[in-house]
Amino acid sequence: PSRDDGEYDIATFRRPWALFHDNDDVIYEIDEGRGTNKDGALRKLYEGLVETLIQCSSGPFQSPTAAAFNIAQDTIYMVHLYNPDNCTSKVGLIAISRASGFVDVKALVRMNDPKCTGIAINPVNNDIIFNNQSDGYLYRYSENTNIDEAYTRLIRVNNATNTELKLAFSNDGRYLYAAVKNRMPYDITTKTLGTAELWAGQWDTSGYQNGIGTSALFDQPSAIEFDEDGNLYVADKYNHCIRRITPDGEVSLYAGMPRTKGYKDGLPDVAMFNCPEGLTILSDQSIIVADRENHVIRKVVVE
């Protein structure tokens, strides 16, 4: 598929990978790509237009996977997944400033084998947490003039080596949640994470089942985000649907037809997705979904 800018009804997406937004509900999308040949991109969706801001190049922006705004909304922090076959940069974390129109990229963290897929910024104290699936650990960005030392290793999430993680902080900043299905307490004062605990779903067991906590099943849960009431929404990729988890851990279907891929608009119980990968929740609580294998961006509104 091509990547074409323009009005919403004519714009095209190569492989929509991740979504996030700012406080003005301007939506930003990451088109998947690995390397230096303009394969991947950061794009902006606003007022009916899709605009490409940056494309993969020989600089530090080569393999974008996930991103988030800081509290001040003046900087996008983005993680990268290094691929030795087509990437020349081993930068795992970058910053992109609003002042530059989100086109100037600054390298923040360099690692030996950065396969970083998830990032979350604490909404209380602005701490930046990201993962590296090469070793399964979570890291906290620690500003340093030496980008090879600008991070602090925190904890390992179960046996998450070579496992893609997506991250989200609770609205009060006290818990960090990770898909694959874990949460861990976060001490804002000491900037440390407690032990990861299984919260919903079953480790190493895929499927589709609603229920409370570990009685539920997912199939490669991807992007996660909280609404204003503390419900966690999950892009359940290979179940081809969007799931909701209440603060008490009750998992239910929110939109899509479980285990059935396809494309169909309509009410949430009849709509169809094909590998939803990313999602973000706007101020009106509507959910924007990166419907990856349908190569489109969808909107879910439940009235």
C-alpha atoms as a PDB file:
ATOM      1  CA  PRO A   1       0.000   0.000   0.000  1.00  0.00           C
ATOM      2  CA  SER A   2       1.029   3.564  -0.672  1.00  0.00           C
ATOM      3  CA  ARG A   3       1.323   6.477   1.740  1.00  0.00           C
ATOM      4  CA  ASP A   4      -0.501   9.526   0.390  1.00  0.00           C
ATOM      5  CA  ASP A   5      -1.343  12.731   2.220  1.00  0.00           C
ATOM      6  CA  GLY A   6      -4.499  14.748   1.700  1.00  0.00           C
ATOM      7  CA  GLU A   7      -8.091  14.846   2.844  1.00  0.00           C
ATOM      8  CA  TYR A   8      -9.277  11.973   4.997  1.00  0.00           C
ATOM      9  CA  ASP A   9     -11.242  10.293   2.218  1.00  0.00           C
ATOM     10  CA  ILE A  10      -8.299  10.166  -0.204  1.00  0.00           C
ATOM     11  CA  ALA A  11      -5.301   9.773   2.129  1.00  0.00           C
ATOM     12  CA  THR A  12      -3.740   6.311   2.312  1.00  0.00           C
ATOM     13  CA  PHE A  13      -1.781   4.492   5.007  1.00  0.00           C
ATOM     14  CA  ARG A  14       0.909   1.932   4.432  1.00  0.00           C
ATOM     15  CA  ARG A  15       0.611   0.102   7.754  1.00  0.00           C
ATOM     16  CA  PRO A  16      -0.831   2.152  10.631  1.00  0.00           C
ATOM     17  CA  TRP A  17       1.077   1.039  13.700  1.00  0.00           C
ATOM     18  CA  ALA A  18       0.442   3.419  16.613  1.00  0.00           C
ATOM     19  CA  LEU A  19      -1.722   6.418  17.515  1.00  0.00           C
ATOM     20  CA  PHE A  20      -1.523   9.173  20.118  1.00  0.00           C
ATOM     21  CA  HIS A  21      -2.923  12.685  20.470  1.00  0.00           C
ATOM     22  CA  ASP A  22      -2.327  16.002  22.197  1.00  0.00           C
ATOM     23  CA  ASN A  23      -4.630  17.995  24.468  1.00  0.00           C
ATOM     24  CA  ASP A  24      -6.268  19.639  21.454  1.00  0.00           C
ATOM     25  CA  ASP A  25      -7.254  16.233  20.034  1.00  0.00           C
ATOM     26  CA  VAL A  26      -4.787  16.520  17.184  1.00  0.00           C
ATOM     27  CA  ILE A  27      -4.068  12.915  16.239  1.00  0.00           C
ATOM     28  CA  TYR A  28      -0.595  11.640  15.389  1.00  0.00           C
ATOM     29  CA  GLU A  29       0.014   8.305  13.656  1.00  0.00           C
ATOM     30  CA  ILE A  30       3.086   6.155  13.171  1.00  0.00           C
ATOM     31  CA  ASP A  31       3.247   4.305   9.867  1.00  0.00           C
ATOM     32  CA  GLU A  32       5.339   1.197  10.355  1.00  0.00           C
ATOM     33  CA  GLY A  33       8.692   1.111   8.629  1.00  0.00           C
ATOM     34  CA  ARG A  34      12.254  -0.062   9.274  1.00  0.00           C
ATOM     35  CA  GLY A  35      15.344   1.497   7.758  1.00  0.00           C
ATOM     36  CA  THR A  36      16.520   4.616   5.958  1.00  0.00           C
ATOM     37  CA  ASN A  37      14.407   4.636   2.802  1.00  0.00           C
ATOM     38  CA  LYS A  38      11.364   6.698   3.908  1.00  0.00           C
ATOM     39  CA  ASP A  39       9.511   3.470   4.714  1.00  0.00           C
ATOM     40  CA  GLY A  40       8.100   4.562   8.089  1.00  0.00           C
ATOM     41  CA  ALA A  41       6.679   7.947   9.025  1.00  0.00           C
ATOM     42  CA  LEU A  42       5.186  10.209  11.670  1.00  0.00           C
ATOM     43  CA  ARG A  43       1.931  11.701  10.400  1.00  0.00           C
ATOM     44  CA  LYS A  44      -0.603  14.222  11.635  1.00  0.00           C
ATOM     45  CA  LEU A  45      -4.395  13.976  11.303  1.00  0.00           C
ATOM     46  CA  TYR A  46      -6.266  17.207  11.954  1.00  0.00           C
ATOM     47  CA  GLU A  47      -9.279  19.080  10.556  1.00  0.00           C
ATOM     48  CA  GLY A  48      -9.851  16.549   7.812  1.00  0.00           C
ATOM     49  CA  LEU A  49      -6.290  16.441   6.509  1.00  0.00           C
ATOM     50  CA  VAL A  50      -3.479  13.876   6.777  1.00  0.00           C
ATOM     51  CA  GLU A  51       0.040  15.326   6.685  1.00  0.00           C
ATOM     52  CA  THR A  52       3.370  13.492   6.808  1.00  0.00           C
ATOM     53  CA  LEU A  53       5.778  15.221   9.196  1.00  0.00           C
ATOM     54  CA  ILE A  54       8.881  12.980   9.116  1.00  0.00           C
ATOM     55  CA  GLN A  55       9.904   9.932   7.118  1.00  0.00           C
ATOM     56  CA  CYS A  56      12.587   7.366   7.944  1.00  0.00           C
ATOM     57  CA  SER A  57      16.034   8.547   6.899  1.00  0.00           C
ATOM     58  CA  SER A  58      19.726   8.147   7.641  1.00  0.00           C
ATOM     59  CA  GLY A  59      19.302  10.114  10.898  1.00  0.00           C
ATOM     60  CA  PRO A  60      18.030   8.798  14.235  1.00  0.00           C
ATOM     61  CA  PHE A  61      14.428   8.482  12.968  1.00  0.00           C
ATOM     62  CA  GLN A  62      14.631   5.047  11.360  1.00  0.00           C
ATOM     63  CA  SER A  63      12.293   2.569  13.022  1.00  0.00           C
ATOM     64  CA  PRO A  64       9.458   4.223  15.029  1.00  0.00           C
ATOM     65  CA  THR A  65       7.201   2.006  17.149  1.00  0.00           C
ATOM     66  CA  ALA A  66       5.419   4.057  19.844  1.00  0.00           C
ATOM     67  CA  ALA A  67       5.272   7.633  21.153  1.00  0.00           C
ATOM     68  CA  ALA A  68       3.772   9.872  23.809  1.00  0.00           C
ATOM     69  CA  PHE A  69       3.580  13.565  24.707  1.00  0.00           C
ATOM     70  CA  ASN A  70       5.157  14.995  27.835  1.00  0.00           C
ATOM     71  CA  ILE A  71       2.950  16.860  30.317  1.00  0.00           C
ATOM     72  CA  ALA A  72       3.779  20.263  28.797  1.00  0.00           C
ATOM     73  CA  GLN A  73       2.758  18.952  25.365  1.00  0.00           C
ATOM     74  CA  ASP A  74       5.806  20.556  23.796  1.00  0.00           C
ATOM     75  CA  THR A  75       7.691  17.342  22.995  1.00  0.00           C
ATOM     76  CA  ILE A  76       6.944  13.950  21.479  1.00  0.00           C
ATOM     77  CA  TYR A  77       9.059  11.147  22.933  1.00  0.00           C
ATOM     78  CA  MET A  78       9.340   8.143  20.621  1.00  0.00           C
ATOM     79  CA  VAL A  79      10.936   4.707  20.859  1.00  0.00           C
ATOM     80  CA  HIS A  80      12.567   2.716  18.070  1.00  0.00           C
ATOM     81  CA  LEU A  81      13.037  -0.949  17.181  1.00  0.00           C
ATOM     82  CA  TYR A  82      16.498  -1.610  15.767  1.00  0.00           C
ATOM     83  CA  ASN A  83      16.805  -4.030  12.853  1.00  0.00           C
ATOM     84  CA  PRO A  84      20.393  -4.838  11.838  1.00  0.00           C
ATOM     85  CA  ASP A  85      19.320  -5.659   8.283  1.00  0.00           C
ATOM     86  CA  ASN A  86      18.206  -2.134   7.404  1.00  0.00           C
ATOM     87  CA  CYS A  87      18.917   0.268  10.290  1.00  0.00           C
ATOM     88  CA  THR A  88      22.162   2.142  10.772  1.00  0.00           C
ATOM     89  CA  SER A  89      21.252   3.886  14.037  1.00  0.00           C
ATOM     90  CA  LYS A  90      21.027   2.197  17.436  1.00  0.00           C
ATOM     91  CA  VAL A  91      19.104   5.063  19.019  1.00  0.00           C
ATOM     92  CA  GLY A  92      16.250   3.680  21.109  1.00  0.00           C
ATOM     93  CA  LEU A  93      14.643   6.921  22.343  1.00  0.00           C
ATOM     94  CA  ILE A  94      14.271  10.247  20.553  1.00  0.00           C
ATOM     95  CA  ALA A  95      12.613  13.605  21.213  1.00  0.00           C
ATOM     96  CA  ILE A  96      10.770  15.685  18.615  1.00  0.00           C
ATOM     97  CA  SER A  97       9.925  19.281  19.533  1.00  0.00           C
ATOM     98  CA  ARG A  98       6.687  21.128  18.829  1.00  0.00           C
ATOM     99  CA  ALA A  99       8.700  24.311  18.289  1.00  0.00           C
ATOM    100  CA  SER A 100      10.202  22.720  15.182  1.00  0.00           C
ATOM    101  CA  GLY A 101       6.801  21.702  13.841  1.00  0.00           C
ATOM    102  CA  PHE A 102       7.655  18.153  14.938  1.00  0.00           C
ATOM    103  CA  VAL A 103      10.366  17.707  12.343  1.00  0.00           C
ATOM    104  CA  ASP A 104      13.620  18.177  14.317  1.00  0.00           C
ATOM    105  CA  VAL A 105      14.729  14.922  15.938  1.00  0.00           C
ATOM    106  CA  LYS A 106      17.091  14.669  18.920  1.00  0.00           C
ATOM    107  CA  ALA A 107      18.687  11.367  19.936  1.00  0.00           C
ATOM    108  CA  LEU A 108      18.324  10.748  23.691  1.00  0.00           C
ATOM    109  CA  VAL A 109      19.247   7.111  24.362  1.00  0.00           C
ATOM    110  CA  ARG A 110      21.502   4.725  22.491  1.00  0.00           C
ATOM    111  CA  MET A 111      21.692   1.022  23.348  1.00  0.00           C
ATOM    112  CA  ASN A 112      23.565  -1.975  21.995  1.00  0.00           C
ATOM    113  CA  ASP A 113      20.419  -3.654  20.651  1.00  0.00           C
ATOM    114  CA  PRO A 114      17.420  -1.351  21.147  1.00  0.00           C
ATOM    115  CA  LYS A 115      14.209  -3.179  20.386  1.00  0.00           C
ATOM    116  CA  CYS A 116      11.985  -0.671  22.136  1.00  0.00           C
ATOM    117  CA  THR A 117       8.263  -1.052  21.464  1.00  0.00           C
ATOM    118  CA  GLY A 118       6.466   0.678  24.327  1.00  0.00           C
ATOM    119  CA  ILE A 119       6.647   4.051  26.070  1.00  0.00           C
ATOM    120  CA  ALA A 120       4.594   5.761  28.770  1.00  0.00           C
ATOM    121  CA  ILE A 121       5.018   9.146  30.443  1.00  0.00           C
ATOM    122  CA  ASN A 122       3.845   9.514  34.024  1.00  0.00           C
ATOM    123  CA  PRO A 123       1.008  12.104  34.106  1.00  0.00           C
ATOM    124  CA  VAL A 124       2.074  13.359  37.535  1.00  0.00           C
ATOM    125  CA  ASN A 125       5.860  13.794  37.422  1.00  0.00           C
ATOM    126  CA  ASN A 126       6.716  13.401  33.703  1.00  0.00           C
ATOM    127  CA  ASP A 127       8.925  10.312  34.171  1.00  0.00           C
ATOM    128  CA  ILE A 128       9.540   8.540  30.864  1.00  0.00           C
ATOM    129  CA  ILE A 129       9.399   4.741  30.986  1.00  0.00           C
ATOM    130  CA  PHE A 130      10.189   2.526  28.006  1.00  0.00           C
ATOM    131  CA  ASN A 131      11.017  -1.116  27.373  1.00  0.00           C
ATOM    132  CA  ASN A 132      13.661  -3.031  25.502  1.00  0.00           C
ATOM    133  CA  GLN A 133      12.414  -6.422  24.382  1.00  0.00           C
ATOM    134  CA  SER A 134      15.990  -7.559  23.752  1.00  0.00           C
ATOM    135  CA  ASP A 135      16.352  -8.190  27.474  1.00  0.00           C
ATOM    136  CA  GLY A 136      12.742  -7.842  28.696  1.00  0.00           C
ATOM    137  CA  TYR A 137      13.514  -4.924  31.038  1.00  0.00           C
ATOM    138  CA  LEU A 138      11.778  -1.600  31.569  1.00  0.00           C
ATOM    139  CA  TYR A 139      13.930   1.537  31.676  1.00  0.00           C
ATOM    140  CA  ARG A 140      13.511   5.107  32.907  1.00  0.00           C
ATOM    141  CA  TYR A 141      14.999   7.905  30.843  1.00  0.00           C
ATOM    142  CA  SER A 142      17.626   9.743  32.893  1.00  0.00           C
ATOM    143  CA  GLU A 143      18.855  12.853  31.117  1.00  0.00           C
ATOM    144  CA  ASN A 144      22.568  12.732  30.453  1.00  0.00           C
ATOM    145  CA  THR A 145      24.895  14.366  27.957  1.00  0.00           C
ATOM    146  CA  ASN A 146      26.183  10.872  27.169  1.00  0.00           C
ATOM    147  CA  ILE A 147      23.329   9.156  25.317  1.00  0.00           C
ATOM    148  CA  ASP A 148      24.874   5.756  26.061  1.00  0.00           C
ATOM    149  CA  GLU A 149      24.209   6.338  29.769  1.00  0.00           C
ATOM    150  CA  ALA A 150      20.937   8.268  29.698  1.00  0.00           C
ATOM    151  CA  TYR A 151      18.761   5.560  31.241  1.00  0.00           C
ATOM    152  CA  THR A 152      18.191   3.623  34.444  1.00  0.00           C
ATOM    153  CA  ARG A 153      17.272  -0.058  34.297  1.00  0.00           C
ATOM    154  CA  LEU A 154      14.220  -0.848  36.412  1.00  0.00           C
ATOM    155  CA  ILE A 155      12.604  -4.287  36.397  1.00  0.00           C
ATOM    156  CA  ARG A 156      12.017  -7.192  34.081  1.00  0.00           C
ATOM    157  CA  VAL A 157       8.399  -7.937  33.189  1.00  0.00           C
ATOM    158  CA  ASN A 158       8.069 -11.677  33.835  1.00  0.00           C
ATOM    159  CA  ASN A 159       9.875 -13.496  31.020  1.00  0.00           C
ATOM    160  CA  ALA A 160       9.260 -10.732  28.481  1.00  0.00           C
ATOM    161  CA  THR A 161      12.509 -11.176  26.560  1.00  0.00           C
ATOM    162  CA  ASN A 162      11.741 -10.863  22.835  1.00  0.00           C
ATOM    163  CA  THR A 163       8.145  -9.997  23.718  1.00  0.00           C
ATOM    164  CA  GLU A 164       6.620  -6.820  22.344  1.00  0.00           C
ATOM    165  CA  LEU A 165       5.209  -4.614  25.114  1.00  0.00           C
ATOM    166  CA  LYS A 166       2.906  -1.612  25.055  1.00  0.00           C
ATOM    167  CA  LEU A 167       2.739   0.609  28.136  1.00  0.00           C
ATOM    168  CA  ALA A 168       0.285   2.989  29.824  1.00  0.00           C
ATOM    169  CA  PHE A 169       0.199   4.766  33.183  1.00  0.00           C
ATOM    170  CA  SER A 170      -2.988   4.918  35.208  1.00  0.00           C
ATOM    171  CA  ASN A 171      -4.529   8.381  35.366  1.00  0.00           C
ATOM    172  CA  ASP A 172      -3.121   8.968  38.863  1.00  0.00           C
ATOM    173  CA  GLY A 173       0.374   7.820  37.857  1.00  0.00           C
ATOM    174  CA  ARG A 174       0.487   5.153  40.580  1.00  0.00           C
ATOM    175  CA  TYR A 175       0.452   2.108  38.324  1.00  0.00           C
ATOM    176  CA  LEU A 176       2.174   1.247  35.080  1.00  0.00           C
ATOM    177  CA  TYR A 177       0.324  -1.240  32.893  1.00  0.00           C
ATOM    178  CA  ALA A 178       1.955  -3.405  30.259  1.00  0.00           C
ATOM    179  CA  ALA A 179       0.318  -5.373  27.480  1.00  0.00           C
ATOM    180  CA  VAL A 180       1.237  -8.279  27.748  1.00  0.00           C
ATOM    181  CA  LYS A 181      -1.354  -8.157  30.548  1.00  0.00           C
ATOM    182  CA  ASN A 182       0.680  -6.940  33.533  1.00  0.00           C
ATOM    183  CA  ARG A 183       0.607  -4.035  35.922  1.00  0.00           C
ATOM    184  CA  MET A 184       3.153  -2.855  38.478  1.00  0.00           C
ATOM    185  CA  PRO A 185       3.063  -0.165  41.182  1.00  0.00           C
ATOM    186  CA  TYR A 186       5.083   2.982  40.531  1.00  0.00           C
ATOM    187  CA  ASP A 187       6.561   5.033  43.367  1.00  0.00           C
ATOM    188  CA  ILE A 188       6.532   8.630  42.146  1.00  0.00           C
ATOM    189  CA  THR A 189       8.901   9.763  44.907  1.00  0.00           C
ATOM    190  CA  THR A 190      11.635   7.159  44.481  1.00  0.00           C
ATOM    191  CA  LYS A 191      10.965   6.710  40.749  1.00  0.00           C
ATOM    192  CA  THR A 192      10.959   2.928  41.119  1.00  0.00           C
ATOM    193  CA  LEU A 193       8.678   0.142  39.970  1.00  0.00           C
ATOM    194  CA  GLY A 194       7.290  -2.604  42.173  1.00  0.00           C
ATOM    195  CA  THR A 195       6.923  -6.231  41.126  1.00  0.00           C
ATOM    196  CA  ALA A 196       4.827  -6.856  38.024  1.00  0.00           C
ATOM    197  CA  GLU A 197       1.628  -8.729  38.754  1.00  0.00           C
ATOM    198  CA  LEU A 198      -0.644 -10.533  36.352  1.00  0.00           C
ATOM    199  CA  TRP A 199      -3.824  -8.471  36.176  1.00  0.00           C
ATOM    200  CA  ALA A 200      -5.896  -9.744  33.281  1.00  0.00           C
ATOM    201  CA  GLY A 201      -5.451 -12.659  30.902  1.00  0.00           C
ATOM    202  CA  GLN A 202      -3.086 -15.600  31.150  1.00  0.00           C
ATOM    203  CA  TRP A 203       0.642 -15.603  30.485  1.00  0.00           C
ATOM    204  CA  ASP A 204       1.629 -17.731  27.457  1.00  0.00           C
ATOM    205  CA  THR A 205      -2.013 -18.634  26.746  1.00  0.00           C
ATOM    206  CA  SER A 206      -3.821 -16.996  23.830  1.00  0.00           C
ATOM    207  CA  GLY A 207      -7.496 -17.105  22.938  1.00  0.00           C
ATOM    208  CA  TYR A 208     -10.693 -15.150  23.349  1.00  0.00           C
ATOM    209  CA  GLN A 209     -12.656 -15.150  26.573  1.00  0.00           C
ATOM    210  CA  ASN A 210     -14.313 -12.466  28.652  1.00  0.00           C
ATOM    211  CA  GLY A 211     -14.263 -12.581  32.425  1.00  0.00           C
ATOM    212  CA  ILE A 212     -12.562 -11.171  35.489  1.00  0.00           C
ATOM    213  CA  GLY A 213      -8.781 -11.057  35.774  1.00  0.00           C
ATOM    214  CA  THR A 214      -6.980 -14.232  34.814  1.00  0.00           C
ATOM    215  CA  SER A 215     -10.172 -15.925  33.624  1.00  0.00           C
ATOM    216  CA  ALA A 216     -10.065 -13.721  30.512  1.00  0.00           C
ATOM    217  CA  LEU A 217      -8.011 -14.455  27.409  1.00  0.00           C
ATOM    218  CA  PHE A 218      -6.400 -12.185  24.790  1.00  0.00           C
ATOM    219  CA  ASP A 219      -4.524 -12.858  21.572  1.00  0.00           C
ATOM    220  CA  GLN A 220      -1.544 -10.482  21.339  1.00  0.00           C
ATOM    221  CA  PRO A 221      -2.936  -7.434  23.126  1.00  0.00           C
ATOM    222  CA  SER A 222      -1.313  -4.337  21.681  1.00  0.00           C
ATOM    223  CA  ALA A 223      -1.965  -0.632  22.369  1.00  0.00           C
ATOM    224  CA  ILE A 224      -3.613   0.238  25.684  1.00  0.00           C
ATOM    225  CA  GLU A 225      -5.076   3.509  26.987  1.00  0.00           C
ATOM    226  CA  PHE A 226      -7.278   4.684  29.866  1.00  0.00           C
ATOM    227  CA  ASP A 227     -10.484   6.678  29.569  1.00  0.00           C
ATOM    228  CA  GLU A 228     -11.454   9.383  32.057  1.00  0.00           C
ATOM    229  CA  ASP A 229     -13.248   6.829  34.269  1.00  0.00           C
ATOM    230  CA  GLY A 230     -10.255   4.548  34.622  1.00  0.00           C
ATOM    231  CA  ASN A 231     -11.359   1.879  32.157  1.00  0.00           C
ATOM    232  CA  LEU A 232      -8.497   0.416  30.135  1.00  0.00           C
ATOM    233  CA  TYR A 233      -9.081  -0.178  26.411  1.00  0.00           C
ATOM    234  CA  VAL A 234      -7.019  -2.770  24.554  1.00  0.00           C
ATOM    235  CA  ALA A 235      -6.404  -3.288  20.850  1.00  0.00           C
ATOM    236  CA  ASP A 236      -6.684  -7.097  20.903  1.00  0.00           C
ATOM    237  CA  LYS A 237      -4.783  -7.597  17.679  1.00  0.00           C
ATOM    238  CA  TYR A 238      -5.342 -11.208  16.644  1.00  0.00           C
ATOM    239  CA  ASN A 239      -8.821 -11.341  18.132  1.00  0.00           C
ATOM    240  CA  HIS A 240      -9.573  -8.474  15.703  1.00  0.00           C
ATOM    241  CA  CYS A 241     -11.480  -6.450  18.276  1.00  0.00           C
ATOM    242  CA  ILE A 242     -11.299  -3.775  20.970  1.00  0.00           C
ATOM    243  CA  ARG A 243     -11.638  -4.930  24.589  1.00  0.00           C
ATOM    244  CA  ARG A 244     -12.438  -2.978  27.759  1.00  0.00           C
ATOM    245  CA  ILE A 245     -11.095  -3.722  31.235  1.00  0.00           C
ATOM    246  CA  THR A 246     -12.793  -2.038  34.207  1.00  0.00           C
ATOM    247  CA  PRO A 247     -10.768  -0.857  37.226  1.00  0.00           C
ATOM    248  CA  ASP A 248     -11.863  -4.100  38.936  1.00  0.00           C
ATOM    249  CA  GLY A 249     -10.332  -6.188  36.152  1.00  0.00           C
ATOM    250  CA  GLU A 250     -13.498  -7.238  34.338  1.00  0.00           C
ATOM    251  CA  VAL A 251     -12.755  -7.832  30.652  1.00  0.00           C
ATOM    252  CA  SER A 252     -15.481  -7.401  28.038  1.00  0.00           C
ATOM    253  CA  LEU A 253     -15.899  -6.856  24.306  1.00  0.00           C
ATOM    254  CA  TYR A 254     -16.180  -3.217  23.269  1.00  0.00           C
ATOM    255  CA  ALA A 255     -16.168  -3.314  19.459  1.00  0.00           C
ATOM    256  CA  GLY A 256     -15.586  -5.820  16.694  1.00  0.00           C
ATOM    257  CA  MET A 257     -16.387  -9.459  16.029  1.00  0.00           C
ATOM    258  CA  PRO A 258     -14.011 -11.685  18.042  1.00  0.00           C
ATOM    259  CA  ARG A 259     -11.772 -14.061  16.081  1.00  0.00           C
ATOM    260  CA  THR A 260     -13.248 -12.743  12.805  1.00  0.00           C
ATOM    261  CA  LYS A 261     -11.177 -10.427  10.658  1.00  0.00           C
ATOM    262  CA  GLY A 262     -12.563  -8.207   7.947  1.00  0.00           C
ATOM    263  CA  TYR A 263     -13.747  -4.699   7.249  1.00  0.00           C
ATOM    264  CA  LYS A 264     -17.216  -3.497   8.136  1.00  0.00           C
ATOM    265  CA  ASP A 265     -18.538  -0.231   9.539  1.00  0.00           C
ATOM    266  CA  GLY A 266     -21.562  -0.056  11.784  1.00  0.00           C
ATOM    267  CA  LEU A 267     -22.475  -0.404  15.435  1.00  0.00           C
ATOM    268  CA  PRO A 268     -19.722  -1.801  17.667  1.00  0.00           C
ATOM    269  CA  ASP A 269     -21.249  -5.294  17.808  1.00  0.00           C
ATOM    270  CA  VAL A 270     -21.294  -5.717  14.021  1.00  0.00           C
ATOM    271  CA  ALA A 271     -18.189  -3.744  13.005  1.00  0.00           C
ATOM    272  CA  MET A 272     -15.166  -5.717  11.826  1.00  0.00           C
ATOM    273  CA  PHE A 273     -11.427  -5.038  12.135  1.00  0.00           C
ATOM    274  CA  ASN A 274      -8.317  -6.694  10.765  1.00  0.00           C
ATOM    275  CA  CYS A 275      -5.474  -6.734  13.303  1.00  0.00           C
ATOM    276  CA  PRO A 276      -6.148  -3.476  15.189  1.00  0.00           C
ATOM    277  CA  GLU A 277      -2.713  -2.389  16.396  1.00  0.00           C
ATOM    278  CA  GLY A 278      -3.049   1.083  17.906  1.00  0.00           C
ATOM    279  CA  LEU A 279      -5.664   3.179  19.616  1.00  0.00           C
ATOM    280  CA  THR A 280      -6.066   6.498  21.356  1.00  0.00           C
ATOM    281  CA  ILE A 281      -8.970   8.061  23.259  1.00  0.00           C
ATOM    282  CA  LEU A 282      -9.968  11.657  22.512  1.00  0.00           C
ATOM    283  CA  SER A 283     -11.436  14.161  24.975  1.00  0.00           C
ATOM    284  CA  ASP A 284     -15.009  13.243  23.952  1.00  0.00           C
ATOM    285  CA  GLN A 285     -14.100   9.620  24.856  1.00  0.00           C
ATOM    286  CA  SER A 286     -14.366   8.419  21.255  1.00  0.00           C
ATOM    287  CA  ILE A 287     -11.738   5.817  20.380  1.00  0.00           C
ATOM    288  CA  ILE A 288      -9.526   6.180  17.307  1.00  0.00           C
ATOM    289  CA  VAL A 289      -8.190   2.835  16.070  1.00  0.00           C
ATOM    290  CA  ALA A 290      -5.248   2.035  13.799  1.00  0.00           C
ATOM    291  CA  ASP A 291      -6.778  -0.841  11.823  1.00  0.00           C
ATOM    292  CA  ARG A 292      -3.448  -2.131  10.643  1.00  0.00           C
ATOM    293  CA  GLU A 293      -4.165  -4.738   7.987  1.00  0.00           C
ATOM    294  CA  ASN A 294      -7.114  -2.762   6.603  1.00  0.00           C
ATOM    295  CA  HIS A 295      -4.662   0.171   6.223  1.00  0.00           C
ATOM    296  CA  VAL A 296      -7.161   2.667   7.644  1.00  0.00           C
ATOM    297  CA  ILE A 297      -7.896   4.733  10.746  1.00  0.00           C
ATOM    298  CA  ARG A 298     -11.308   4.056  12.332  1.00  0.00           C
ATOM    299  CA  LYS A 299     -13.418   5.888  14.922  1.00  0.00           C
ATOM    300  CA  VAL A 300     -15.531   4.108  17.538  1.00  0.00           C
ATOM    301  CA  VAL A 301     -18.297   6.074  19.273  1.00  0.00           C
ATOM    302  CA  VAL A 302     -20.736   4.450  21.703  1.00  0.00           C
ATOM    303  CA  GLU A 303     -23.651   6.669  22.674  1.00  0.00           C
END
